[in-house]
C-alpha atoms as a PDB file:
ATOM      1  CA  UNK A   1     -27.711 -18.186  -5.204  1.00  0.00           C
ATOM      2  CA  UNK A   2     -27.005 -18.145  -1.468  1.00  0.00           C
ATOM      3  CA  UNK A   3     -23.473 -19.363  -2.138  1.00  0.00           C
ATOM      4  CA  UNK A   4     -22.899 -16.489  -4.626  1.00  0.00           C
ATOM      5  CA  UNK A   5     -24.276 -13.936  -2.178  1.00  0.00           C
ATOM      6  CA  UNK A   6     -22.098 -15.285   0.615  1.00  0.00           C
ATOM      7  CA  UNK A   7     -19.008 -15.209  -1.614  1.00  0.00           C
ATOM      8  CA  UNK A   8     -19.756 -11.627  -2.605  1.00  0.00           C
ATOM      9  CA  UNK A   9     -20.144 -10.567   1.023  1.00  0.00           C
ATOM     10  CA  UNK A  10     -16.874 -12.241   2.009  1.00  0.00           C
ATOM     11  CA  UNK A  11     -15.073 -10.537  -0.881  1.00  0.00           C
ATOM     12  CA  UNK A  12     -16.537  -7.153   0.034  1.00  0.00           C
ATOM     13  CA  UNK A  13     -15.546  -7.563   3.690  1.00  0.00           C
ATOM     14  CA  UNK A  14     -12.023  -8.555   2.674  1.00  0.00           C
ATOM     15  CA  UNK A  15     -11.652  -5.524   0.422  1.00  0.00           C
ATOM     16  CA  UNK A  16     -12.943  -3.174   3.094  1.00  0.00           C
ATOM     17  CA  UNK A  17     -10.552  -4.604   5.676  1.00  0.00           C
ATOM     18  CA  UNK A  18      -7.524  -4.335   3.379  1.00  0.00           C
ATOM     19  CA  UNK A  19      -5.274  -1.287   3.780  1.00  0.00           C
ATOM     20  CA  UNK A  20      -5.420   1.240   0.956  1.00  0.00           C
ATOM     21  CA  UNK A  21      -2.441   1.387  -1.363  1.00  0.00           C
ATOM     22  CA  UNK A  22      -0.643   4.704  -1.133  1.00  0.00           C
ATOM     23  CA  UNK A  23       2.648   6.263  -2.036  1.00  0.00           C
ATOM     24  CA  UNK A  24       4.506   5.275   1.061  1.00  0.00           C
ATOM     25  CA  UNK A  25       7.852   3.766   1.721  1.00  0.00           C
ATOM     26  CA  UNK A  26       6.925   0.240   2.754  1.00  0.00           C
ATOM     27  CA  UNK A  27       9.688  -0.090   5.329  1.00  0.00           C
ATOM     28  CA  UNK A  28       8.936   3.106   7.189  1.00  0.00           C
ATOM     29  CA  UNK A  29       5.285   3.716   6.295  1.00  0.00           C
ATOM     30  CA  UNK A  30       6.048   7.373   5.663  1.00  0.00           C
ATOM     31  CA  UNK A  31       4.693   9.300   2.677  1.00  0.00           C
ATOM     32  CA  UNK A  32       7.138   9.488  -0.198  1.00  0.00           C
ATOM     33  CA  UNK A  33       8.229  12.832  -1.584  1.00  0.00           C
ATOM     34  CA  UNK A  34      10.073  12.990  -4.882  1.00  0.00           C
ATOM     35  CA  UNK A  35      12.110  16.051  -5.813  1.00  0.00           C
ATOM     36  CA  UNK A  36      11.692  16.270  -9.568  1.00  0.00           C
ATOM     37  CA  UNK A  37      14.764  18.501  -9.798  1.00  0.00           C
ATOM     38  CA  UNK A  38      17.131  15.947  -8.276  1.00  0.00           C
ATOM     39  CA  UNK A  39      15.516  12.496  -8.567  1.00  0.00           C
ATOM     40  CA  UNK A  40      17.064   9.929 -10.849  1.00  0.00           C
ATOM     41  CA  UNK A  41      15.170   7.721 -13.295  1.00  0.00           C
ATOM     42  CA  UNK A  42      14.774   4.842 -10.831  1.00  0.00           C
ATOM     43  CA  UNK A  43      13.226   7.016  -8.126  1.00  0.00           C
ATOM     44  CA  UNK A  44      10.836   8.745 -10.531  1.00  0.00           C
ATOM     45  CA  UNK A  45       9.772   5.378 -11.955  1.00  0.00           C
ATOM     46  CA  UNK A  46       9.282   3.798  -8.539  1.00  0.00           C
ATOM     47  CA  UNK A  47       7.385   6.510  -6.696  1.00  0.00           C
ATOM     48  CA  UNK A  48       5.403   8.490  -9.267  1.00  0.00           C
ATOM     49  CA  UNK A  49       2.103   7.095 -10.475  1.00  0.00           C
ATOM     50  CA  UNK A  50       1.800   6.772 -14.258  1.00  0.00           C
ATOM     51  CA  UNK A  51       5.546   7.263 -14.738  1.00  0.00           C
ATOM     52  CA  UNK A  52       7.481   4.353 -16.167  1.00  0.00           C
ATOM     53  CA  UNK A  53      11.124   4.198 -17.143  1.00  0.00           C
ATOM     54  CA  UNK A  54      10.599   5.997 -20.475  1.00  0.00           C
ATOM     55  CA  UNK A  55       8.722   8.943 -18.947  1.00  0.00           C
ATOM     56  CA  UNK A  56      11.154   9.077 -16.036  1.00  0.00           C
ATOM     57  CA  UNK A  57      14.014   9.316 -18.529  1.00  0.00           C
ATOM     58  CA  UNK A  58      12.106  12.044 -20.396  1.00  0.00           C
ATOM     59  CA  UNK A  59      11.848  14.017 -17.127  1.00  0.00           C
ATOM     60  CA  UNK A  60      15.577  13.744 -16.510  1.00  0.00           C
ATOM     61  CA  UNK A  61      16.380  14.641 -20.135  1.00  0.00           C
ATOM     62  CA  UNK A  62      14.030  17.642 -20.026  1.00  0.00           C
ATOM     63  CA  UNK A  63      15.609  18.812 -16.777  1.00  0.00           C
ATOM     64  CA  UNK A  64      19.125  18.442 -18.198  1.00  0.00           C
ATOM     65  CA  UNK A  65      18.216  20.398 -21.336  1.00  0.00           C
ATOM     66  CA  UNK A  66      16.042  23.115 -19.766  1.00  0.00           C
ATOM     67  CA  UNK A  67      17.234  23.444 -16.194  1.00  0.00           C
ATOM     68  CA  UNK A  68      15.337  22.905 -12.973  1.00  0.00           C
ATOM     69  CA  UNK A  69      11.562  22.871 -12.850  1.00  0.00           C
ATOM     70  CA  UNK A  70      10.208  26.151 -11.433  1.00  0.00           C
ATOM     71  CA  UNK A  71       6.790  24.764 -10.516  1.00  0.00           C
ATOM     72  CA  UNK A  72       5.156  21.390 -10.192  1.00  0.00           C
ATOM     73  CA  UNK A  73       2.861  22.309 -13.085  1.00  0.00           C
ATOM     74  CA  UNK A  74       5.866  22.804 -15.368  1.00  0.00           C
ATOM     75  CA  UNK A  75       6.303  19.018 -15.277  1.00  0.00           C
ATOM     76  CA  UNK A  76       3.461  18.853 -17.807  1.00  0.00           C
ATOM     77  CA  UNK A  77       5.868  20.425 -20.315  1.00  0.00           C
ATOM     78  CA  UNK A  78       7.638  17.069 -20.581  1.00  0.00           C
ATOM     79  CA  UNK A  79       6.495  15.092 -23.629  1.00  0.00           C
ATOM     80  CA  UNK A  80       4.099  12.340 -22.565  1.00  0.00           C
ATOM     81  CA  UNK A  81       3.233  13.899 -19.216  1.00  0.00           C
ATOM     82  CA  UNK A  82      -0.067  15.692 -19.039  1.00  0.00           C
ATOM     83  CA  UNK A  83      -1.987  17.505 -16.356  1.00  0.00           C
ATOM     84  CA  UNK A  84      -3.680  14.276 -15.228  1.00  0.00           C
ATOM     85  CA  UNK A  85      -0.352  12.682 -14.275  1.00  0.00           C
ATOM     86  CA  UNK A  86       0.767  15.859 -12.534  1.00  0.00           C
ATOM     87  CA  UNK A  87      -2.466  15.943 -10.509  1.00  0.00           C
ATOM     88  CA  UNK A  88      -2.166  12.250  -9.544  1.00  0.00           C
ATOM     89  CA  UNK A  89       1.271  12.951  -8.110  1.00  0.00           C
ATOM     90  CA  UNK A  90       0.950  16.520  -6.825  1.00  0.00           C
ATOM     91  CA  UNK A  91       0.995  15.472  -3.153  1.00  0.00           C
ATOM     92  CA  UNK A  92       4.295  13.622  -3.514  1.00  0.00           C
ATOM     93  CA  UNK A  93       6.203  15.975  -5.852  1.00  0.00           C
ATOM     94  CA  UNK A  94       8.620  18.517  -4.389  1.00  0.00           C
ATOM     95  CA  UNK A  95      10.994  21.001  -5.993  1.00  0.00           C
END
């Protein structure tokens, strides 16, 4: 039991000491901003949380068919992207 408690404490200390994962460019450590009106599939996929290649392509296709996004919230008009994904990424999305 003491061994389990000690292992748990070591794990907790390790997790607390670890840096938090954030949307930052690893090389520069600066917050990433993604312009959803100009970003290509690769950039959308890499920097937006909950956006894979298929959703990134849907964003680009939507933009090509409907023109530039007027607001960040209009991103939720893309099939497969709901308000939850928009909210997760609001701080890194620009127009």
